[in-house]
């Protein structure tokens, strides 16, 4: 309600004026969606009190900026799983790990974590397609 009143009080020149240092938005990123998808997107934007274009822009930029972060977190989670399962296996078998053996496990986890994460993601993607 307050935002609507502020918008009504501002003239067109004030509303179109950019913040200092902000470049103009001249490119369009669009996607075709169904009526149902459009309604869902519009509803999501409305729940945050934003217009669909503003909300979509924020979501797209957030996803673009965090894609690598999520992959890194997933890869590190897989590495932790590899480490824990290898060390617990040794404990379950009654083996004692020497510092050298533990260092070797760490080195193997570092070397194999990216491939293991890729393989695990592939398994999830294959299961999702079925």
N, C-alpha and C. Protein backbone atom coordinates (compact mmCIF):
# COMPACT_ATOMS: atom_id res chain seq x y z
N UNK A 1 0.83 -1.19 0.00
CA UNK A 1 0.00 0.00 0.00
C UNK A 1 0.87 1.25 0.00
N UNK A 2 1.88 1.28 0.89
CA UNK A 2 2.78 2.43 0.96
C UNK A 2 3.54 2.62 -0.33
N UNK A 3 4.01 1.52 -0.93
CA UNK A 3 4.77 1.59 -2.18
C UNK A 3 3.90 2.17 -3.30
N UNK A 4 2.61 1.82 -3.30
CA UNK A 4 1.71 2.35 -4.31
C UNK A 4 1.55 3.86 -4.14
N UNK A 5 1.47 4.32 -2.90
CA UNK A 5 1.31 5.74 -2.64
C UNK A 5 2.54 6.51 -3.08
N UNK A 6 3.73 5.96 -2.81
CA UNK A 6 4.98 6.61 -3.21
C UNK A 6 5.03 6.71 -4.72
N UNK A 7 4.64 5.63 -5.43
CA UNK A 7 4.64 5.63 -6.89
C UNK A 7 3.69 6.69 -7.43
N UNK A 8 2.53 6.85 -6.81
CA UNK A 8 1.55 7.84 -7.26
C UNK A 8 2.07 9.26 -7.05
N UNK A 9 2.85 9.47 -5.98
CA UNK A 9 3.35 10.79 -5.66
C UNK A 9 4.50 11.22 -6.58
N UNK A 10 5.21 10.27 -7.16
CA UNK A 10 6.33 10.60 -8.03
C UNK A 10 5.86 10.88 -9.45
N UNK A 11 6.50 11.85 -10.08
CA UNK A 11 6.21 12.12 -11.48
C UNK A 11 6.91 11.10 -12.35
N UNK A 12 6.58 11.09 -13.64
CA UNK A 12 7.17 10.13 -14.57
C UNK A 12 8.68 10.30 -14.65
N UNK A 13 9.18 11.51 -14.66
CA UNK A 13 10.63 11.75 -14.74
C UNK A 13 11.33 11.17 -13.51
N UNK A 14 10.73 11.32 -12.33
CA UNK A 14 11.32 10.77 -11.11
C UNK A 14 11.34 9.25 -11.13
N UNK A 15 10.28 8.64 -11.67
CA UNK A 15 10.20 7.19 -11.70
C UNK A 15 11.17 6.59 -12.71
N UNK A 16 11.48 7.30 -13.77
CA UNK A 16 12.37 6.79 -14.80
C UNK A 16 13.84 7.08 -14.52
N UNK A 17 14.12 7.99 -13.59
CA UNK A 17 15.50 8.35 -13.28
C UNK A 17 16.21 7.18 -12.62
N UNK A 18 17.42 6.89 -13.09
CA UNK A 18 18.22 5.79 -12.55
C UNK A 18 19.02 6.24 -11.34
N UNK A 19 19.36 5.27 -10.53
CA UNK A 19 20.27 5.53 -9.41
C UNK A 19 21.63 5.88 -9.99
N UNK A 20 22.40 6.71 -9.30
CA UNK A 20 23.74 7.04 -9.79
C UNK A 20 24.59 5.78 -9.95
N UNK A 21 25.24 5.66 -11.09
CA UNK A 21 26.12 4.53 -11.32
C UNK A 21 25.45 3.30 -11.90
N UNK A 22 24.13 3.28 -11.96
CA UNK A 22 23.42 2.13 -12.51
C UNK A 22 23.25 2.30 -14.00
N UNK A 23 23.72 1.33 -14.77
CA UNK A 23 23.57 1.41 -16.21
C UNK A 23 22.16 1.05 -16.63
N UNK A 24 21.79 1.47 -17.81
CA UNK A 24 20.45 1.19 -18.31
C UNK A 24 20.28 -0.28 -18.66
N UNK A 25 19.09 -0.77 -18.49
CA UNK A 25 18.77 -2.15 -18.85
C UNK A 25 18.22 -2.13 -20.27
N UNK A 26 18.99 -2.66 -21.19
CA UNK A 26 18.59 -2.58 -22.59
C UNK A 26 18.38 -3.94 -23.22
N UNK A 27 18.78 -5.00 -22.58
CA UNK A 27 18.62 -6.35 -23.12
C UNK A 27 17.43 -7.03 -22.48
N UNK A 28 16.83 -7.96 -23.22
CA UNK A 28 15.69 -8.70 -22.72
C UNK A 28 16.05 -10.18 -22.67
N UNK A 29 15.73 -10.82 -21.57
CA UNK A 29 15.86 -12.27 -21.44
C UNK A 29 14.45 -12.81 -21.28
N UNK A 30 14.01 -13.62 -22.22
CA UNK A 30 12.63 -14.07 -22.17
C UNK A 30 12.54 -15.58 -22.32
N UNK A 31 11.39 -16.10 -21.94
CA UNK A 31 11.12 -17.53 -22.09
C UNK A 31 9.63 -17.70 -22.35
N UNK A 32 9.31 -18.63 -23.19
CA UNK A 32 7.90 -18.93 -23.43
C UNK A 32 7.42 -19.91 -22.36
N UNK A 33 6.25 -19.63 -21.82
CA UNK A 33 5.68 -20.48 -20.78
C UNK A 33 4.22 -20.73 -21.10
N UNK A 34 3.66 -21.77 -20.48
CA UNK A 34 2.24 -22.07 -20.64
C UNK A 34 1.43 -21.10 -19.78
N UNK A 35 0.13 -21.10 -19.99
CA UNK A 35 -0.76 -20.26 -19.17
C UNK A 35 -0.62 -20.63 -17.69
N UNK A 36 -0.56 -21.93 -17.42
CA UNK A 36 -0.46 -22.40 -16.03
C UNK A 36 0.88 -21.97 -15.42
N UNK A 37 1.97 -22.11 -16.18
CA UNK A 37 3.28 -21.70 -15.69
C UNK A 37 3.31 -20.20 -15.44
N UNK A 38 2.72 -19.43 -16.34
CA UNK A 38 2.68 -17.98 -16.19
C UNK A 38 1.93 -17.60 -14.91
N UNK A 39 0.82 -18.27 -14.68
CA UNK A 39 0.04 -17.99 -13.47
C UNK A 39 0.86 -18.31 -12.22
N UNK A 40 1.60 -19.42 -12.24
CA UNK A 40 2.42 -19.80 -11.09
C UNK A 40 3.53 -18.78 -10.87
N UNK A 41 4.16 -18.33 -11.94
CA UNK A 41 5.22 -17.33 -11.82
C UNK A 41 4.66 -16.01 -11.31
N UNK A 42 3.54 -15.60 -11.85
CA UNK A 42 2.90 -14.35 -11.43
C UNK A 42 2.50 -14.42 -9.96
N UNK A 43 2.01 -15.58 -9.54
CA UNK A 43 1.64 -15.78 -8.14
C UNK A 43 2.86 -15.69 -7.22
N UNK A 44 3.96 -16.31 -7.63
CA UNK A 44 5.19 -16.27 -6.84
C UNK A 44 5.70 -14.84 -6.70
N UNK A 45 5.64 -14.08 -7.79
CA UNK A 45 6.07 -12.68 -7.75
C UNK A 45 5.17 -11.87 -6.84
N UNK A 46 3.88 -12.10 -6.96
CA UNK A 46 2.91 -11.37 -6.15
C UNK A 46 3.07 -11.62 -4.66
N UNK A 47 3.43 -12.85 -4.30
CA UNK A 47 3.63 -13.18 -2.89
C UNK A 47 4.79 -12.39 -2.28
N UNK A 48 5.71 -11.94 -3.13
CA UNK A 48 6.83 -11.12 -2.67
C UNK A 48 6.57 -9.64 -2.90
N UNK A 49 5.37 -9.31 -3.35
CA UNK A 49 5.02 -7.91 -3.57
C UNK A 49 5.76 -7.29 -4.74
N UNK A 50 6.09 -8.10 -5.73
CA UNK A 50 6.86 -7.61 -6.88
C UNK A 50 6.12 -7.91 -8.17
N UNK A 51 6.44 -7.13 -9.18
CA UNK A 51 5.93 -7.42 -10.50
C UNK A 51 6.67 -8.62 -11.07
N UNK A 52 6.05 -9.28 -12.04
CA UNK A 52 6.64 -10.48 -12.61
C UNK A 52 8.01 -10.22 -13.22
N UNK A 53 8.17 -9.13 -13.96
CA UNK A 53 9.46 -8.84 -14.60
C UNK A 53 10.56 -8.62 -13.57
N UNK A 54 10.26 -7.83 -12.54
CA UNK A 54 11.25 -7.56 -11.49
C UNK A 54 11.63 -8.84 -10.76
N UNK A 55 10.63 -9.64 -10.41
CA UNK A 55 10.86 -10.88 -9.69
C UNK A 55 11.68 -11.85 -10.54
N UNK A 56 11.30 -11.99 -11.82
CA UNK A 56 12.00 -12.92 -12.71
C UNK A 56 13.46 -12.50 -12.89
N UNK A 57 13.70 -11.21 -13.03
CA UNK A 57 15.07 -10.71 -13.17
C UNK A 57 15.91 -11.09 -11.96
N UNK A 58 15.36 -10.88 -10.77
CA UNK A 58 16.09 -11.22 -9.54
C UNK A 58 16.36 -12.72 -9.43
N UNK A 59 15.38 -13.53 -9.79
CA UNK A 59 15.55 -14.98 -9.72
C UNK A 59 16.59 -15.45 -10.73
N UNK A 60 16.53 -14.94 -11.95
CA UNK A 60 17.51 -15.32 -12.97
C UNK A 60 18.93 -14.94 -12.56
N UNK A 61 19.10 -13.73 -12.07
CA UNK A 61 20.43 -13.30 -11.66
C UNK A 61 20.94 -14.08 -10.45
N UNK A 62 20.06 -14.36 -9.51
CA UNK A 62 20.46 -15.14 -8.33
C UNK A 62 20.91 -16.53 -8.76
N UNK A 63 20.18 -17.16 -9.64
CA UNK A 63 20.54 -18.49 -10.12
C UNK A 63 21.85 -18.46 -10.90
N UNK A 64 22.03 -17.44 -11.71
CA UNK A 64 23.27 -17.33 -12.49
C UNK A 64 24.48 -17.15 -11.58
N UNK A 65 24.29 -16.44 -10.50
CA UNK A 65 25.41 -16.14 -9.60
C UNK A 65 25.71 -17.27 -8.63
N UNK A 66 24.75 -18.15 -8.36
CA UNK A 66 24.96 -19.18 -7.35
C UNK A 66 25.14 -20.58 -7.93
N UNK A 67 25.05 -20.75 -9.22
CA UNK A 67 25.15 -22.08 -9.83
C UNK A 67 26.45 -22.77 -9.45
N UNK A 68 27.57 -22.07 -9.52
CA UNK A 68 28.85 -22.68 -9.20
C UNK A 68 28.98 -22.96 -7.71
N UNK A 69 28.39 -22.12 -6.90
CA UNK A 69 28.45 -22.31 -5.45
C UNK A 69 27.75 -23.61 -5.05
N UNK A 70 26.57 -23.85 -5.62
CA UNK A 70 25.83 -25.06 -5.29
C UNK A 70 26.58 -26.30 -5.75
N UNK A 71 27.20 -26.25 -6.91
CA UNK A 71 27.98 -27.37 -7.40
C UNK A 71 29.17 -27.64 -6.48
N UNK A 72 29.83 -26.58 -6.03
CA UNK A 72 30.97 -26.74 -5.13
C UNK A 72 30.53 -27.35 -3.80
N UNK A 73 29.41 -26.90 -3.27
CA UNK A 73 28.91 -27.43 -2.01
C UNK A 73 28.56 -28.91 -2.17
N UNK A 74 27.92 -29.26 -3.27
CA UNK A 74 27.58 -30.65 -3.54
C UNK A 74 28.84 -31.51 -3.65
N UNK A 75 29.82 -31.01 -4.37
CA UNK A 75 31.08 -31.76 -4.53
C UNK A 75 31.76 -31.98 -3.19
N UNK A 76 31.77 -30.96 -2.34
CA UNK A 76 32.38 -31.11 -1.02
C UNK A 76 31.58 -32.07 -0.14
N UNK A 77 30.27 -32.08 -0.30
CA UNK A 77 29.44 -33.03 0.44
C UNK A 77 29.75 -34.46 0.01
N UNK A 78 29.92 -34.67 -1.28
CA UNK A 78 30.30 -35.99 -1.79
C UNK A 78 31.68 -36.37 -1.25
N UNK A 79 32.61 -35.42 -1.20
CA UNK A 79 33.95 -35.70 -0.66
C UNK A 79 33.86 -36.11 0.80
N UNK A 80 33.03 -35.43 1.56
CA UNK A 80 32.86 -35.78 2.97
C UNK A 80 32.29 -37.19 3.11
N UNK A 81 31.33 -37.51 2.27
CA UNK A 81 30.75 -38.85 2.27
C UNK A 81 31.82 -39.90 1.94
N UNK A 82 32.66 -39.62 0.95
CA UNK A 82 33.74 -40.54 0.59
C UNK A 82 34.69 -40.75 1.77
N UNK A 83 35.06 -39.65 2.41
CA UNK A 83 35.99 -39.72 3.54
C UNK A 83 35.41 -40.53 4.69
N UNK A 84 34.19 -40.20 5.06
CA UNK A 84 33.55 -40.87 6.20
C UNK A 84 33.37 -42.35 5.92
N UNK A 85 32.90 -42.71 4.72
CA UNK A 85 32.68 -44.12 4.44
C UNK A 85 34.00 -44.90 4.42
N UNK A 86 35.06 -44.30 3.91
CA UNK A 86 36.36 -44.98 3.87
C UNK A 86 36.92 -45.16 5.28
N UNK A 87 36.85 -44.12 6.09
CA UNK A 87 37.38 -44.21 7.45
C UNK A 87 36.52 -45.15 8.30
N UNK A 88 35.20 -45.08 8.16
CA UNK A 88 34.33 -45.98 8.94
C UNK A 88 34.52 -47.44 8.55
N UNK A 89 34.81 -47.67 7.27
CA UNK A 89 35.09 -49.03 6.82
C UNK A 89 36.30 -49.59 7.58
N UNK A 90 37.34 -48.76 7.67
CA UNK A 90 38.54 -49.19 8.39
C UNK A 90 38.24 -49.46 9.86
N UNK A 91 37.45 -48.60 10.46
CA UNK A 91 37.09 -48.77 11.87
C UNK A 91 36.26 -50.04 12.05
N UNK A 92 35.29 -50.26 11.16
CA UNK A 92 34.44 -51.44 11.25
C UNK A 92 35.23 -52.73 11.10
N UNK A 93 36.30 -52.69 10.32
CA UNK A 93 37.14 -53.87 10.13
C UNK A 93 38.20 -54.01 11.22
N UNK A 94 38.20 -53.09 12.16
CA UNK A 94 39.14 -53.16 13.27
C UNK A 94 40.54 -52.72 12.90
N UNK A 95 40.68 -52.02 11.81
CA UNK A 95 41.99 -51.55 11.38
C UNK A 95 42.33 -50.24 12.07
N UNK A 96 43.60 -50.02 12.27
CA UNK A 96 44.07 -48.76 12.81
C UNK A 96 44.70 -47.98 11.67
N UNK A 97 44.28 -46.74 11.53
CA UNK A 97 44.83 -45.91 10.46
C UNK A 97 46.06 -45.16 10.95
N UNK A 98 47.12 -45.32 10.23
CA UNK A 98 48.32 -44.54 10.53
C UNK A 98 48.15 -43.15 9.95
N UNK A 99 48.91 -42.19 10.40
CA UNK A 99 48.83 -40.85 9.81
C UNK A 99 49.08 -40.87 8.30
N UNK A 100 49.98 -41.74 7.87
CA UNK A 100 50.26 -41.84 6.43
C UNK A 100 49.06 -42.40 5.67
N UNK A 101 48.41 -43.42 6.24
CA UNK A 101 47.24 -44.01 5.60
C UNK A 101 46.10 -42.99 5.53
N UNK A 102 45.92 -42.24 6.59
CA UNK A 102 44.87 -41.20 6.60
C UNK A 102 45.18 -40.13 5.56
N UNK A 103 46.43 -39.71 5.46
CA UNK A 103 46.83 -38.72 4.46
C UNK A 103 46.58 -39.25 3.05
N UNK A 104 46.81 -40.55 2.86
CA UNK A 104 46.56 -41.16 1.55
C UNK A 104 45.06 -41.14 1.22
N UNK A 105 44.24 -41.43 2.20
CA UNK A 105 42.78 -41.38 2.00
C UNK A 105 42.36 -39.96 1.61
N UNK A 106 42.87 -38.97 2.33
CA UNK A 106 42.54 -37.57 2.02
C UNK A 106 42.95 -37.24 0.59
N UNK A 107 44.14 -37.67 0.18
CA UNK A 107 44.62 -37.39 -1.17
C UNK A 107 43.72 -38.06 -2.22
N UNK A 108 43.30 -39.27 -1.95
CA UNK A 108 42.42 -39.99 -2.89
C UNK A 108 41.05 -39.31 -2.98
N UNK A 109 40.55 -38.84 -1.85
CA UNK A 109 39.26 -38.13 -1.85
C UNK A 109 39.37 -36.85 -2.67
N UNK A 110 40.44 -36.09 -2.44
CA UNK A 110 40.64 -34.85 -3.22
C UNK A 110 40.72 -35.14 -4.71
N UNK A 111 41.41 -36.19 -5.07
CA UNK A 111 41.60 -36.52 -6.49
C UNK A 111 40.32 -37.04 -7.14
N UNK A 112 39.48 -37.70 -6.37
CA UNK A 112 38.31 -38.34 -6.97
C UNK A 112 36.97 -37.69 -6.73
N UNK A 113 36.95 -36.61 -5.94
CA UNK A 113 35.65 -36.04 -5.55
C UNK A 113 34.86 -35.45 -6.71
N UNK A 114 35.53 -34.82 -7.67
CA UNK A 114 34.81 -34.22 -8.80
C UNK A 114 34.15 -35.28 -9.67
N UNK A 115 34.89 -36.33 -9.96
CA UNK A 115 34.33 -37.41 -10.77
C UNK A 115 33.19 -38.11 -10.04
N UNK A 116 33.37 -38.33 -8.74
CA UNK A 116 32.32 -38.98 -7.94
C UNK A 116 31.06 -38.13 -7.89
N UNK A 117 31.22 -36.81 -7.75
CA UNK A 117 30.06 -35.91 -7.73
C UNK A 117 29.36 -35.92 -9.08
N UNK A 118 30.13 -35.91 -10.15
CA UNK A 118 29.57 -35.95 -11.51
C UNK A 118 28.78 -37.24 -11.71
N UNK A 119 29.36 -38.37 -11.29
CA UNK A 119 28.68 -39.66 -11.43
C UNK A 119 27.38 -39.69 -10.63
N UNK A 120 27.41 -39.17 -9.43
CA UNK A 120 26.22 -39.16 -8.58
C UNK A 120 25.13 -38.28 -9.18
N UNK A 121 25.50 -37.11 -9.68
CA UNK A 121 24.52 -36.25 -10.34
C UNK A 121 23.92 -36.93 -11.56
N UNK A 122 24.74 -37.63 -12.32
CA UNK A 122 24.26 -38.36 -13.50
C UNK A 122 23.23 -39.41 -13.11
N UNK A 123 23.48 -40.10 -11.99
CA UNK A 123 22.53 -41.10 -11.52
C UNK A 123 21.19 -40.46 -11.17
N UNK A 124 21.22 -39.32 -10.51
CA UNK A 124 19.98 -38.62 -10.15
C UNK A 124 19.25 -38.13 -11.40
N UNK A 125 20.00 -37.61 -12.36
CA UNK A 125 19.38 -37.12 -13.59
C UNK A 125 18.75 -38.27 -14.38
N UNK A 126 19.42 -39.42 -14.42
CA UNK A 126 18.87 -40.58 -15.12
C UNK A 126 17.59 -41.06 -14.44
N UNK A 127 17.61 -41.07 -13.12
CA UNK A 127 16.42 -41.50 -12.38
C UNK A 127 15.26 -40.53 -12.58
N UNK A 128 15.56 -39.25 -12.70
CA UNK A 128 14.51 -38.24 -12.89
C UNK A 128 13.85 -38.37 -14.25
N UNK A 129 14.62 -38.80 -15.25
CA UNK A 129 14.08 -38.95 -16.61
C UNK A 129 13.15 -40.15 -16.73
N UNK A 130 13.33 -41.15 -15.86
CA UNK A 130 12.54 -42.38 -15.93
C UNK A 130 11.18 -42.23 -15.34
